[in-house]
Amino acid sequence: MAILPEPNAGVSAPYTLAGLLTMNNAECLSGLVMIQLLKPGAKVLYANSWTTTDMRTGAALVGSIETSVCRVAAAQLAHFYHVPSHTTAPNSDNHAHDEQNAWEKTFSLLAAIGAGHDLIVNCGMFATGMTCSHEQLLMDAELAGMARRFVQGIDVRPETIAAELIQQVGPLGETYLTQAHTLARLRSAEYFMPDLAVRGPLAVWQAAGAKDTYALARAKVETLRGNPGAALSSKRTQQLQEIIDHFA
């Protein structure tokens, strides 16, 4: 169970980030204590979904850079209490699928994953979480894959350093392209392979219609709509129903 206070900086919590974190921490911990009193040993999440405030307009914000600073601090608090943590990402306050959407979602997701949160939700949402779209969901899935790859880092072992291969190929114009070491890793997790990102020569992109990322996501949505997908097994259907019944 998660306790999600959602304080709003400058409105329902102090305007300072330290005060916002303190308010969220106190409300979250008090809820977790009540849960343990009612059901000792119950599984809980230290949840974080505050908003900052643009005092020029009064708008509550989930994509501000300050919310990402707090995401990192909140994960540190959860780790201090030895409790798994939740936060929201990738987030944006913009109403369009544009550059602001991209940079806010990137910052928020990298902060959430890099800080070590255990449960991260909000893929497919934008406009301060008030709007969802299939296209945004696909773009966020791609962003999530990139962020996951980023925090995995580099696998450093003798076979990945490949010193013998470097010596074998040498400096005289030989290629790594046809080496077994390369071919064996083409479908590995060494590189993230995007579904929507535009790569390659300009002429090829122009010949394909010069589509931007949103247009490519839109086309994929239509493709998925035309695919009925595989039917759920009776066992999986029963498991899902049990989950629904448990929370009904």
C-alpha atoms as a PDB file:
ATOM      1  CA  MET A   1       0.000   0.000   0.000  1.00  0.00           C
ATOM      2  CA  ALA A   2       1.204   3.498  -0.813  1.00  0.00           C
ATOM      3  CA  ILE A   3       0.590   6.672   1.158  1.00  0.00           C
ATOM      4  CA  LEU A   4       0.487   9.550  -1.345  1.00  0.00           C
ATOM      5  CA  PRO A   5       0.196  12.949   0.389  1.00  0.00           C
ATOM      6  CA  GLU A   6       0.741  15.163  -2.714  1.00  0.00           C
ATOM      7  CA  PRO A   7       1.574  18.477  -0.994  1.00  0.00           C
ATOM      8  CA  ASN A   8       1.623  21.583  -3.202  1.00  0.00           C
ATOM      9  CA  ALA A   9       4.567  23.934  -2.591  1.00  0.00           C
ATOM     10  CA  GLY A  10       3.429  27.354  -1.417  1.00  0.00           C
ATOM     11  CA  VAL A  11      -0.217  26.264  -1.127  1.00  0.00           C
ATOM     12  CA  SER A  12      -0.593  23.212   1.110  1.00  0.00           C
ATOM     13  CA  ALA A  13       3.099  23.029   2.065  1.00  0.00           C
ATOM     14  CA  PRO A  14       5.983  25.476   2.527  1.00  0.00           C
ATOM     15  CA  TYR A  15       7.256  27.069  -0.686  1.00  0.00           C
ATOM     16  CA  THR A  16      10.831  25.968   0.001  1.00  0.00           C
ATOM     17  CA  LEU A  17      11.908  22.555  -1.264  1.00  0.00           C
ATOM     18  CA  ALA A  18      13.180  21.543   2.174  1.00  0.00           C
ATOM     19  CA  GLY A  19       9.807  22.445   3.661  1.00  0.00           C
ATOM     20  CA  LEU A  20       7.956  20.624   0.883  1.00  0.00           C
ATOM     21  CA  LEU A  21      10.004  17.477   1.506  1.00  0.00           C
ATOM     22  CA  THR A  22       9.484  17.749   5.260  1.00  0.00           C
ATOM     23  CA  MET A  23       5.715  18.022   4.836  1.00  0.00           C
ATOM     24  CA  ASN A  24       5.592  15.065   2.448  1.00  0.00           C
ATOM     25  CA  ASN A  25       7.847  13.031   4.732  1.00  0.00           C
ATOM     26  CA  ALA A  26       5.739  13.677   7.841  1.00  0.00           C
ATOM     27  CA  GLU A  27       2.436  12.907   6.122  1.00  0.00           C
ATOM     28  CA  CYS A  28       3.785   9.802   4.413  1.00  0.00           C
ATOM     29  CA  LEU A  29       5.402   8.388   7.562  1.00  0.00           C
ATOM     30  CA  SER A  30       2.288   9.003   9.651  1.00  0.00           C
ATOM     31  CA  GLY A  31       0.258   7.040   7.108  1.00  0.00           C
ATOM     32  CA  LEU A  32       2.770   4.202   7.056  1.00  0.00           C
ATOM     33  CA  VAL A  33       2.672   4.021  10.861  1.00  0.00           C
ATOM     34  CA  MET A  34      -1.130   3.795  10.835  1.00  0.00           C
ATOM     35  CA  ILE A  35      -0.971   0.975   8.291  1.00  0.00           C
ATOM     36  CA  GLN A  36       1.453  -0.981  10.467  1.00  0.00           C
ATOM     37  CA  LEU A  37      -0.738  -0.448  13.534  1.00  0.00           C
ATOM     38  CA  LEU A  38      -3.737  -1.812  11.651  1.00  0.00           C
ATOM     39  CA  LYS A  39      -1.850  -4.635   9.949  1.00  0.00           C
ATOM     40  CA  PRO A  40       1.664  -5.250  11.282  1.00  0.00           C
ATOM     41  CA  GLY A  41       4.076  -6.280   8.564  1.00  0.00           C
ATOM     42  CA  ALA A  42       1.909  -4.994   5.719  1.00  0.00           C
ATOM     43  CA  LYS A  43       3.853  -4.166   2.574  1.00  0.00           C
ATOM     44  CA  VAL A  44       4.045  -0.424   2.000  1.00  0.00           C
ATOM     45  CA  LEU A  45       5.548   2.151  -0.340  1.00  0.00           C
ATOM     46  CA  TYR A  46       7.042   5.513   0.554  1.00  0.00           C
ATOM     47  CA  ALA A  47       5.208   7.552  -2.095  1.00  0.00           C
ATOM     48  CA  ASN A  48       6.208  10.881  -3.618  1.00  0.00           C
ATOM     49  CA  SER A  49       3.968  12.909  -5.907  1.00  0.00           C
ATOM     50  CA  TRP A  50       4.181  16.529  -4.777  1.00  0.00           C
ATOM     51  CA  THR A  51       3.800  19.539  -7.043  1.00  0.00           C
ATOM     52  CA  THR A  52       5.591  22.853  -7.143  1.00  0.00           C
ATOM     53  CA  THR A  53       3.738  26.059  -7.986  1.00  0.00           C
ATOM     54  CA  ASP A  54       4.245  28.679 -10.682  1.00  0.00           C
ATOM     55  CA  MET A  55       3.307  31.725  -8.619  1.00  0.00           C
ATOM     56  CA  ARG A  56       2.858  33.793 -11.785  1.00  0.00           C
ATOM     57  CA  THR A  57      -0.181  31.729 -12.748  1.00  0.00           C
ATOM     58  CA  GLY A  58      -1.003  29.552  -9.745  1.00  0.00           C
ATOM     59  CA  ALA A  59      -0.436  26.434 -11.827  1.00  0.00           C
ATOM     60  CA  ALA A  60       0.548  23.237 -10.032  1.00  0.00           C
ATOM     61  CA  LEU A  61       3.566  21.688 -11.737  1.00  0.00           C
ATOM     62  CA  VAL A  62       4.788  18.106 -12.046  1.00  0.00           C
ATOM     63  CA  GLY A  63       7.421  18.716 -14.720  1.00  0.00           C
ATOM     64  CA  SER A  64       9.409  21.533 -13.107  1.00  0.00           C
ATOM     65  CA  ILE A  65      13.090  20.915 -12.533  1.00  0.00           C
ATOM     66  CA  GLU A  66      12.508  21.375  -8.802  1.00  0.00           C
ATOM     67  CA  THR A  67      10.200  18.356  -8.699  1.00  0.00           C
ATOM     68  CA  SER A  68      13.068  16.300 -10.114  1.00  0.00           C
ATOM     69  CA  VAL A  69      15.461  17.590  -7.458  1.00  0.00           C
ATOM     70  CA  CYS A  70      12.902  16.448  -4.885  1.00  0.00           C
ATOM     71  CA  ARG A  71      12.564  13.042  -6.572  1.00  0.00           C
ATOM     72  CA  VAL A  72      16.203  12.348  -5.822  1.00  0.00           C
ATOM     73  CA  ALA A  73      15.947  13.589  -2.232  1.00  0.00           C
ATOM     74  CA  ALA A  74      12.798  11.535  -1.621  1.00  0.00           C
ATOM     75  CA  ALA A  75      14.491   8.340  -2.770  1.00  0.00           C
ATOM     76  CA  GLN A  76      17.302   9.068  -0.326  1.00  0.00           C
ATOM     77  CA  LEU A  77      14.757   9.450   2.482  1.00  0.00           C
ATOM     78  CA  ALA A  78      13.078   6.161   1.554  1.00  0.00           C
ATOM     79  CA  HIS A  79      16.441   4.403   1.511  1.00  0.00           C
ATOM     80  CA  PHE A  80      17.193   5.893   4.941  1.00  0.00           C
ATOM     81  CA  TYR A  81      13.978   4.340   6.291  1.00  0.00           C
ATOM     82  CA  HIS A  82      14.601   1.064   4.401  1.00  0.00           C
ATOM     83  CA  VAL A  83      11.227   1.325   2.673  1.00  0.00           C
ATOM     84  CA  PRO A  84      10.627   0.854  -1.082  1.00  0.00           C
ATOM     85  CA  SER A  85       9.690   4.088  -2.802  1.00  0.00           C
ATOM     86  CA  HIS A  86       7.322   5.349  -5.480  1.00  0.00           C
ATOM     87  CA  THR A  87       7.365   8.465  -7.623  1.00  0.00           C
ATOM     88  CA  THR A  88       5.873   9.785 -10.853  1.00  0.00           C
ATOM     89  CA  ALA A  89       7.675  10.108 -14.193  1.00  0.00           C
ATOM     90  CA  PRO A  90       8.063  10.852 -17.031  1.00  0.00           C
ATOM     91  CA  ASN A  91       6.159  14.086 -16.396  1.00  0.00           C
ATOM     92  CA  SER A  92       5.412  17.226 -18.382  1.00  0.00           C
ATOM     93  CA  ASP A  93       3.201  20.242 -17.797  1.00  0.00           C
ATOM     94  CA  ASN A  94       2.874  21.086 -21.484  1.00  0.00           C
ATOM     95  CA  HIS A  95      -0.251  20.300 -23.487  1.00  0.00           C
ATOM     96  CA  ALA A  96       1.640  19.422 -26.678  1.00  0.00           C
ATOM     97  CA  HIS A  97       4.049  16.717 -27.817  1.00  0.00           C
ATOM     98  CA  ASP A  98       6.938  19.125 -28.302  1.00  0.00           C
ATOM     99  CA  GLU A  99      10.414  20.037 -27.067  1.00  0.00           C
ATOM    100  CA  GLN A 100       9.205  21.122 -23.616  1.00  0.00           C
ATOM    101  CA  ASN A 101       7.392  17.824 -23.273  1.00  0.00           C
ATOM    102  CA  ALA A 102      10.618  16.009 -24.164  1.00  0.00           C
ATOM    103  CA  TRP A 103      12.984  17.837 -21.848  1.00  0.00           C
ATOM    104  CA  GLU A 104      10.657  17.761 -18.848  1.00  0.00           C
ATOM    105  CA  LYS A 105       9.956  14.073 -19.290  1.00  0.00           C
ATOM    106  CA  THR A 106      13.642  13.278 -19.749  1.00  0.00           C
ATOM    107  CA  PHE A 107      14.741  15.130 -16.617  1.00  0.00           C
ATOM    108  CA  SER A 108      11.962  13.685 -14.463  1.00  0.00           C
ATOM    109  CA  LEU A 109      12.503  10.103 -15.605  1.00  0.00           C
ATOM    110  CA  LEU A 110      16.293  10.149 -15.303  1.00  0.00           C
ATOM    111  CA  ALA A 111      15.945  11.634 -11.819  1.00  0.00           C
ATOM    112  CA  ALA A 112      13.446   8.939 -10.817  1.00  0.00           C
ATOM    113  CA  ILE A 113      15.406   6.001 -12.208  1.00  0.00           C
ATOM    114  CA  GLY A 114      18.816   7.338 -11.261  1.00  0.00           C
ATOM    115  CA  ALA A 115      17.684   7.936  -7.680  1.00  0.00           C
ATOM    116  CA  GLY A 116      16.638   4.301  -7.357  1.00  0.00           C
ATOM    117  CA  HIS A 117      12.862   4.520  -6.961  1.00  0.00           C
ATOM    118  CA  ASP A 118      11.169   1.116  -7.002  1.00  0.00           C
ATOM    119  CA  LEU A 119       7.840   2.044  -8.605  1.00  0.00           C
ATOM    120  CA  ILE A 120       7.599   4.770 -11.246  1.00  0.00           C
ATOM    121  CA  VAL A 121       4.256   5.622 -12.832  1.00  0.00           C
ATOM    122  CA  ASN A 122       2.842   8.121 -15.357  1.00  0.00           C
ATOM    123  CA  CYS A 123       3.842   6.841 -18.809  1.00  0.00           C
ATOM    124  CA  GLY A 124       1.403   8.155 -21.399  1.00  0.00           C
ATOM    125  CA  MET A 125       0.409  11.218 -19.376  1.00  0.00           C
ATOM    126  CA  PHE A 126       1.114  14.895 -20.040  1.00  0.00           C
ATOM    127  CA  ALA A 127      -0.483  18.313 -19.363  1.00  0.00           C
ATOM    128  CA  THR A 128       0.308  17.985 -15.630  1.00  0.00           C
ATOM    129  CA  GLY A 129      -1.133  14.482 -15.628  1.00  0.00           C
ATOM    130  CA  MET A 130      -4.544  15.635 -16.836  1.00  0.00           C
ATOM    131  CA  THR A 131      -4.271  14.148 -20.334  1.00  0.00           C
ATOM    132  CA  CYS A 132      -3.259  10.760 -21.747  1.00  0.00           C
ATOM    133  CA  SER A 133      -2.687   9.590 -25.294  1.00  0.00           C
ATOM    134  CA  HIS A 134      -1.639   6.404 -27.029  1.00  0.00           C
ATOM    135  CA  GLU A 135       1.066   8.308 -28.903  1.00  0.00           C
ATOM    136  CA  GLN A 136       2.492   9.688 -25.680  1.00  0.00           C
ATOM    137  CA  LEU A 137       2.495   6.200 -24.177  1.00  0.00           C
ATOM    138  CA  LEU A 138       4.614   4.864 -27.045  1.00  0.00           C
ATOM    139  CA  MET A 139       7.026   7.798 -26.876  1.00  0.00           C
ATOM    140  CA  ASP A 140       7.315   7.429 -23.109  1.00  0.00           C
ATOM    141  CA  ALA A 141       7.983   3.703 -23.480  1.00  0.00           C
ATOM    142  CA  GLU A 142      10.906   4.566 -25.746  1.00  0.00           C
ATOM    143  CA  LEU A 143      12.164   7.159 -23.288  1.00  0.00           C
ATOM    144  CA  ALA A 144      11.852   4.643 -20.439  1.00  0.00           C
ATOM    145  CA  GLY A 145      13.913   2.117 -22.384  1.00  0.00           C
ATOM    146  CA  MET A 146      16.628   4.705 -22.970  1.00  0.00           C
ATOM    147  CA  ALA A 147      16.666   5.733 -19.305  1.00  0.00           C
ATOM    148  CA  ARG A 148      16.846   2.108 -18.171  1.00  0.00           C
ATOM    149  CA  ARG A 149      19.806   1.539 -20.493  1.00  0.00           C
ATOM    150  CA  PHE A 150      21.497   4.708 -19.222  1.00  0.00           C
ATOM    151  CA  VAL A 151      21.502   3.598 -15.589  1.00  0.00           C
ATOM    152  CA  GLN A 152      22.672   0.065 -16.450  1.00  0.00           C
ATOM    153  CA  GLY A 153      26.080   1.495 -17.268  1.00  0.00           C
ATOM    154  CA  ILE A 154      28.867  -0.469 -18.950  1.00  0.00           C
ATOM    155  CA  ASP A 155      29.534  -4.182 -18.544  1.00  0.00           C
ATOM    156  CA  VAL A 156      33.299  -4.405 -17.995  1.00  0.00           C
ATOM    157  CA  ARG A 157      34.735  -7.922 -18.253  1.00  0.00           C
ATOM    158  CA  PRO A 158      37.677  -9.396 -20.178  1.00  0.00           C
ATOM    159  CA  GLU A 159      35.350 -10.560 -22.962  1.00  0.00           C
ATOM    160  CA  THR A 160      33.722  -7.119 -23.309  1.00  0.00           C
ATOM    161  CA  ILE A 161      37.034  -5.258 -23.154  1.00  0.00           C
ATOM    162  CA  ALA A 162      38.078  -7.516 -26.050  1.00  0.00           C
ATOM    163  CA  ALA A 163      41.804  -6.786 -25.789  1.00  0.00           C
ATOM    164  CA  GLU A 164      42.734  -9.900 -27.781  1.00  0.00           C
ATOM    165  CA  LEU A 165      40.321  -8.931 -30.556  1.00  0.00           C
ATOM    166  CA  ILE A 166      41.748  -5.412 -30.702  1.00  0.00           C
ATOM    167  CA  GLN A 167      45.223  -6.899 -31.057  1.00  0.00           C
ATOM    168  CA  GLN A 168      44.001  -9.375 -33.672  1.00  0.00           C
ATOM    169  CA  VAL A 169      42.266  -6.788 -35.863  1.00  0.00           C
ATOM    170  CA  GLY A 170      45.131  -4.346 -35.505  1.00  0.00           C
ATOM    171  CA  PRO A 171      45.521  -0.803 -36.831  1.00  0.00           C
ATOM    172  CA  LEU A 172      45.899  -1.517 -40.553  1.00  0.00           C
ATOM    173  CA  GLY A 173      42.386  -1.140 -41.895  1.00  0.00           C
ATOM    174  CA  GLU A 174      40.728  -4.385 -40.837  1.00  0.00           C
ATOM    175  CA  THR A 175      37.112  -4.148 -39.659  1.00  0.00           C
ATOM    176  CA  TYR A 176      35.223  -5.322 -36.601  1.00  0.00           C
ATOM    177  CA  LEU A 177      32.040  -5.571 -38.650  1.00  0.00           C
ATOM    178  CA  THR A 178      32.440  -9.220 -39.631  1.00  0.00           C
ATOM    179  CA  GLN A 179      34.016 -10.439 -36.407  1.00  0.00           C
ATOM    180  CA  ALA A 180      32.167 -13.138 -34.445  1.00  0.00           C
ATOM    181  CA  HIS A 181      32.560 -10.961 -31.347  1.00  0.00           C
ATOM    182  CA  THR A 182      30.402  -8.300 -33.036  1.00  0.00           C
ATOM    183  CA  LEU A 183      27.874 -10.636 -34.640  1.00  0.00           C
ATOM    184  CA  ALA A 184      27.224 -12.497 -31.393  1.00  0.00           C
ATOM    185  CA  ARG A 185      26.161  -9.254 -29.712  1.00  0.00           C
ATOM    186  CA  LEU A 186      23.931  -7.669 -32.343  1.00  0.00           C
ATOM    187  CA  ARG A 187      20.760  -8.705 -30.491  1.00  0.00           C
ATOM    188  CA  SER A 188      22.158  -8.360 -26.985  1.00  0.00           C
ATOM    189  CA  ALA A 189      21.300  -5.705 -24.409  1.00  0.00           C
ATOM    190  CA  GLU A 190      24.530  -3.831 -25.126  1.00  0.00           C
ATOM    191  CA  TYR A 191      22.612  -1.272 -27.182  1.00  0.00           C
ATOM    192  CA  PHE A 192      19.047  -0.026 -26.819  1.00  0.00           C
ATOM    193  CA  MET A 193      17.169  -0.289 -30.117  1.00  0.00           C
ATOM    194  CA  PRO A 194      14.417   2.350 -30.424  1.00  0.00           C
ATOM    195  CA  ASP A 195      11.190   1.839 -32.339  1.00  0.00           C
ATOM    196  CA  LEU A 196      10.375   5.484 -33.052  1.00  0.00           C
ATOM    197  CA  ALA A 197      13.633   7.441 -33.105  1.00  0.00           C
ATOM    198  CA  VAL A 198      14.704   8.863 -36.461  1.00  0.00           C
ATOM    199  CA  ARG A 199      18.170   7.664 -37.484  1.00  0.00           C
ATOM    200  CA  GLY A 200      20.091   7.483 -40.730  1.00  0.00           C
ATOM    201  CA  PRO A 201      20.641   9.721 -43.777  1.00  0.00           C
ATOM    202  CA  LEU A 202      18.496  12.780 -44.480  1.00  0.00           C
ATOM    203  CA  ALA A 203      17.559  11.511 -47.938  1.00  0.00           C
ATOM    204  CA  VAL A 204      16.141   8.275 -46.528  1.00  0.00           C
ATOM    205  CA  TRP A 205      14.082  10.195 -43.951  1.00  0.00           C
ATOM    206  CA  GLN A 206      12.748  12.561 -46.604  1.00  0.00           C
ATOM    207  CA  ALA A 207      11.856   9.692 -48.931  1.00  0.00           C
ATOM    208  CA  ALA A 208       9.815   8.107 -46.125  1.00  0.00           C
ATOM    209  CA  GLY A 209       7.734  11.258 -45.726  1.00  0.00           C
ATOM    210  CA  ALA A 210       9.932  13.328 -43.382  1.00  0.00           C
ATOM    211  CA  LYS A 211       7.797  12.290 -40.404  1.00  0.00           C
ATOM    212  CA  ASP A 212       8.565  13.583 -36.925  1.00  0.00           C
ATOM    213  CA  THR A 213       8.430  11.424 -33.807  1.00  0.00           C
ATOM    214  CA  TYR A 214       4.776  12.158 -33.094  1.00  0.00           C
ATOM    215  CA  ALA A 215       3.779  11.188 -36.643  1.00  0.00           C
ATOM    216  CA  LEU A 216       5.725   7.938 -36.323  1.00  0.00           C
ATOM    217  CA  ALA A 217       4.036   7.224 -32.982  1.00  0.00           C
ATOM    218  CA  ARG A 218       0.656   7.965 -34.535  1.00  0.00           C
ATOM    219  CA  ALA A 219       1.328   5.505 -37.357  1.00  0.00           C
ATOM    220  CA  LYS A 220       2.350   2.813 -34.881  1.00  0.00           C
ATOM    221  CA  VAL A 221      -0.828   3.388 -32.867  1.00  0.00           C
ATOM    222  CA  GLU A 222      -2.890   2.729 -35.986  1.00  0.00           C
ATOM    223  CA  THR A 223      -0.886  -0.431 -36.674  1.00  0.00           C
ATOM    224  CA  LEU A 224      -1.460  -1.698 -33.138  1.00  0.00           C
ATOM    225  CA  ARG A 225      -5.169  -0.938 -33.361  1.00  0.00           C
ATOM    226  CA  GLY A 226      -5.374  -3.218 -36.362  1.00  0.00           C
ATOM    227  CA  ASN A 227      -3.734  -6.063 -34.459  1.00  0.00           C
ATOM    228  CA  PRO A 228      -6.193  -7.877 -32.163  1.00  0.00           C
ATOM    229  CA  GLY A 229      -3.337  -9.361 -30.145  1.00  0.00           C
ATOM    230  CA  ALA A 230      -3.188 -12.717 -28.432  1.00  0.00           C
ATOM    231  CA  ALA A 231      -6.062 -13.789 -26.211  1.00  0.00           C
ATOM    232  CA  LEU A 232      -5.346 -14.168 -22.505  1.00  0.00           C
ATOM    233  CA  SER A 233      -5.198 -17.705 -21.188  1.00  0.00           C
ATOM    234  CA  SER A 234      -7.922 -18.781 -18.777  1.00  0.00           C
ATOM    235  CA  LYS A 235      -5.321 -18.949 -15.993  1.00  0.00           C
ATOM    236  CA  ARG A 236      -4.160 -15.379 -16.622  1.00  0.00           C
ATOM    237  CA  THR A 237      -7.756 -14.155 -16.841  1.00  0.00           C
ATOM    238  CA  GLN A 238      -8.517 -15.787 -13.490  1.00  0.00           C
ATOM    239  CA  GLN A 239      -5.438 -14.211 -11.905  1.00  0.00           C
ATOM    240  CA  LEU A 240      -6.462 -10.760 -13.120  1.00  0.00           C
ATOM    241  CA  GLN A 241      -9.991 -11.249 -11.843  1.00  0.00           C
ATOM    242  CA  GLU A 242      -8.660 -12.264  -8.425  1.00  0.00           C
ATOM    243  CA  ILE A 243      -6.654  -9.042  -8.267  1.00  0.00           C
ATOM    244  CA  ILE A 244      -9.716  -6.988  -9.232  1.00  0.00           C
ATOM    245  CA  ASP A 245     -11.896  -8.791  -6.691  1.00  0.00           C
ATOM    246  CA  HIS A 246      -9.287  -8.261  -3.977  1.00  0.00           C
ATOM    247  CA  PHE A 247      -9.395  -4.484  -4.398  1.00  0.00           C
ATOM    248  CA  ALA A 248     -13.115  -4.202  -5.177  1.00  0.00           C
END
